[in-house]
Amino acid sequence: MSFRVLRAGMLSTLQDLGRYDYQEFGINVAGTMDHIPLRLANILVGNMEGDGALEILPLPDPPWSLMPIH
Protein backbone atom coordinates (compact mmCIF):
# COMPACT_ATOMS: atom_id res chain seq x y z
CA MET A 1 0.00 0.00 0.00
CA SER A 2 1.30 3.46 -0.80
CA PHE A 3 0.18 6.85 0.41
CA ARG A 4 -0.51 9.70 -1.99
CA VAL A 5 -1.18 13.29 -0.88
CA LEU A 6 -3.66 14.84 -3.29
CA ARG A 7 -3.53 18.35 -1.84
CA ALA A 8 -1.90 19.84 1.22
CA GLY A 9 -3.84 21.90 3.71
CA MET A 10 -3.10 24.13 6.67
CA LEU A 11 -3.77 21.21 9.04
CA SER A 12 -1.12 18.97 7.42
CA THR A 13 2.43 19.02 8.78
CA LEU A 14 5.54 16.90 8.54
CA GLN A 15 6.77 16.06 12.06
CA ASP A 16 9.97 14.46 13.30
CA LEU A 17 11.81 14.22 16.61
CA GLY A 18 13.11 17.80 16.41
CA ARG A 19 16.45 19.46 15.82
CA TYR A 20 18.32 19.66 19.12
CA ASP A 21 21.73 20.48 17.62
CA TYR A 22 20.70 23.84 16.13
CA GLN A 23 19.55 25.81 19.20
CA GLU A 24 22.79 27.79 19.27
CA PHE A 25 21.79 29.20 15.86
CA GLY A 26 18.36 30.31 17.12
CA ILE A 27 16.39 27.43 15.62
CA ASN A 28 13.66 25.95 17.81
CA VAL A 29 13.79 22.26 18.62
CA ALA A 30 10.18 21.88 17.42
CA GLY A 31 9.26 18.32 16.37
CA THR A 32 6.35 16.20 17.50
CA MET A 33 4.83 16.69 20.94
CA ASP A 34 4.56 12.92 21.55
CA HIS A 35 7.80 11.14 20.67
CA ILE A 36 6.66 7.66 21.69
CA PRO A 37 3.73 7.37 19.21
CA LEU A 38 5.92 8.71 16.39
CA ARG A 39 8.64 6.16 17.17
CA LEU A 40 6.13 3.29 17.44
CA ALA A 41 4.38 4.24 14.18
CA ASN A 42 7.72 4.30 12.37
CA ILE A 43 8.72 0.92 13.78
CA LEU A 44 5.37 -0.60 12.79
CA VAL A 45 5.79 0.42 9.14
CA GLY A 46 9.47 -0.53 8.98
CA ASN A 47 10.98 2.97 9.09
CA MET A 48 13.78 4.17 11.33
CA GLU A 49 12.49 5.51 14.67
CA GLY A 50 13.46 9.12 13.95
CA ASP A 51 12.00 9.38 10.44
CA GLY A 52 9.48 12.10 9.79
CA ALA A 53 5.77 11.41 9.63
CA LEU A 54 2.86 13.20 7.99
CA GLU A 55 0.46 14.58 10.58
CA ILE A 56 -3.00 15.40 9.22
CA LEU A 57 -6.44 16.20 10.50
CA PRO A 58 -8.83 14.16 8.35
CA LEU A 59 -11.84 16.29 7.52
CA PRO A 60 -14.97 15.05 5.72
CA ASP A 61 -13.03 15.25 2.43
CA PRO A 62 -9.50 14.07 3.33
CA PRO A 63 -6.62 15.32 1.14
CA TRP A 64 -5.08 11.84 0.76
CA SER A 65 -5.83 8.38 -0.57
CA LEU A 66 -4.44 4.86 -0.21
CA MET A 67 -3.29 3.21 -3.41
CA PRO A 68 -2.09 -0.33 -4.16
CA ILE A 69 1.62 -0.74 -4.96
CA HIS A 70 2.29 -1.78 -8.55
C-alpha atoms as a PDB file:
ATOM      1  CA  MET A   1       0.000   0.000   0.000  1.00  0.00           C
ATOM      2  CA  SER A   2       1.298   3.463  -0.796  1.00  0.00           C
ATOM      3  CA  PHE A   3       0.185   6.849   0.415  1.00  0.00           C
ATOM      4  CA  ARG A   4      -0.506   9.699  -1.987  1.00  0.00           C
ATOM      5  CA  VAL A   5      -1.182  13.285  -0.880  1.00  0.00           C
ATOM      6  CA  LEU A   6      -3.660  14.841  -3.295  1.00  0.00           C
ATOM      7  CA  ARG A   7      -3.526  18.351  -1.841  1.00  0.00           C
ATOM      8  CA  ALA A   8      -1.900  19.836   1.221  1.00  0.00           C
ATOM      9  CA  GLY A   9      -3.836  21.901   3.708  1.00  0.00           C
ATOM     10  CA  MET A  10      -3.103  24.129   6.674  1.00  0.00           C
ATOM     11  CA  LEU A  11      -3.770  21.212   9.035  1.00  0.00           C
ATOM     12  CA  SER A  12      -1.118  18.973   7.420  1.00  0.00           C
ATOM     13  CA  THR A  13       2.435  19.018   8.783  1.00  0.00           C
ATOM     14  CA  LEU A  14       5.542  16.901   8.538  1.00  0.00           C
ATOM     15  CA  GLN A  15       6.774  16.062  12.059  1.00  0.00           C
ATOM     16  CA  ASP A  16       9.968  14.461  13.295  1.00  0.00           C
ATOM     17  CA  LEU A  17      11.812  14.217  16.610  1.00  0.00           C
ATOM     18  CA  GLY A  18      13.110  17.796  16.408  1.00  0.00           C
ATOM     19  CA  ARG A  19      16.452  19.464  15.819  1.00  0.00           C
ATOM     20  CA  TYR A  20      18.323  19.664  19.121  1.00  0.00           C
ATOM     21  CA  ASP A  21      21.734  20.483  17.620  1.00  0.00           C
ATOM     22  CA  TYR A  22      20.699  23.844  16.129  1.00  0.00           C
ATOM     23  CA  GLN A  23      19.549  25.805  19.198  1.00  0.00           C
ATOM     24  CA  GLU A  24      22.794  27.793  19.269  1.00  0.00           C
ATOM     25  CA  PHE A  25      21.787  29.201  15.863  1.00  0.00           C
ATOM     26  CA  GLY A  26      18.357  30.312  17.118  1.00  0.00           C
ATOM     27  CA  ILE A  27      16.395  27.429  15.616  1.00  0.00           C
ATOM     28  CA  ASN A  28      13.663  25.945  17.815  1.00  0.00           C
ATOM     29  CA  VAL A  29      13.791  22.263  18.620  1.00  0.00           C
ATOM     30  CA  ALA A  30      10.179  21.882  17.420  1.00  0.00           C
ATOM     31  CA  GLY A  31       9.258  18.323  16.369  1.00  0.00           C
ATOM     32  CA  THR A  32       6.346  16.201  17.502  1.00  0.00           C
ATOM     33  CA  MET A  33       4.831  16.687  20.941  1.00  0.00           C
ATOM     34  CA  ASP A  34       4.559  12.917  21.545  1.00  0.00           C
ATOM     35  CA  HIS A  35       7.800  11.143  20.665  1.00  0.00           C
ATOM     36  CA  ILE A  36       6.660   7.664  21.686  1.00  0.00           C
ATOM     37  CA  PRO A  37       3.728   7.365  19.209  1.00  0.00           C
ATOM     38  CA  LEU A  38       5.924   8.705  16.389  1.00  0.00           C
ATOM     39  CA  ARG A  39       8.642   6.161  17.172  1.00  0.00           C
ATOM     40  CA  LEU A  40       6.126   3.295  17.436  1.00  0.00           C
ATOM     41  CA  ALA A  41       4.383   4.237  14.176  1.00  0.00           C
ATOM     42  CA  ASN A  42       7.724   4.300  12.365  1.00  0.00           C
ATOM     43  CA  ILE A  43       8.725   0.919  13.785  1.00  0.00           C
ATOM     44  CA  LEU A  44       5.368  -0.603  12.786  1.00  0.00           C
ATOM     45  CA  VAL A  45       5.788   0.418   9.140  1.00  0.00           C
ATOM     46  CA  GLY A  46       9.470  -0.527   8.979  1.00  0.00           C
ATOM     47  CA  ASN A  47      10.979   2.972   9.085  1.00  0.00           C
ATOM     48  CA  MET A  48      13.783   4.169  11.332  1.00  0.00           C
ATOM     49  CA  GLU A  49      12.488   5.514  14.669  1.00  0.00           C
ATOM     50  CA  GLY A  50      13.462   9.123  13.951  1.00  0.00           C
ATOM     51  CA  ASP A  51      12.001   9.375  10.444  1.00  0.00           C
ATOM     52  CA  GLY A  52       9.484  12.104   9.786  1.00  0.00           C
ATOM     53  CA  ALA A  53       5.770  11.411   9.634  1.00  0.00           C
ATOM     54  CA  LEU A  54       2.862  13.203   7.987  1.00  0.00           C
ATOM     55  CA  GLU A  55       0.460  14.581  10.575  1.00  0.00           C
ATOM     56  CA  ILE A  56      -2.996  15.399   9.220  1.00  0.00           C
ATOM     57  CA  LEU A  57      -6.444  16.195  10.505  1.00  0.00           C
ATOM     58  CA  PRO A  58      -8.835  14.164   8.348  1.00  0.00           C
ATOM     59  CA  LEU A  59     -11.838  16.294   7.524  1.00  0.00           C
ATOM     60  CA  PRO A  60     -14.974  15.053   5.721  1.00  0.00           C
ATOM     61  CA  ASP A  61     -13.032  15.247   2.433  1.00  0.00           C
ATOM     62  CA  PRO A  62      -9.502  14.070   3.335  1.00  0.00           C
ATOM     63  CA  PRO A  63      -6.623  15.316   1.135  1.00  0.00           C
ATOM     64  CA  TRP A  64      -5.083  11.843   0.758  1.00  0.00           C
ATOM     65  CA  SER A  65      -5.830   8.382  -0.570  1.00  0.00           C
ATOM     66  CA  LEU A  66      -4.443   4.858  -0.206  1.00  0.00           C
ATOM     67  CA  MET A  67      -3.294   3.207  -3.414  1.00  0.00           C
ATOM     68  CA  PRO A  68      -2.089  -0.335  -4.159  1.00  0.00           C
ATOM     69  CA  ILE A  69       1.621  -0.742  -4.958  1.00  0.00           C
ATOM     70  CA  HIS A  70       2.289  -1.777  -8.546  1.00  0.00           C
END
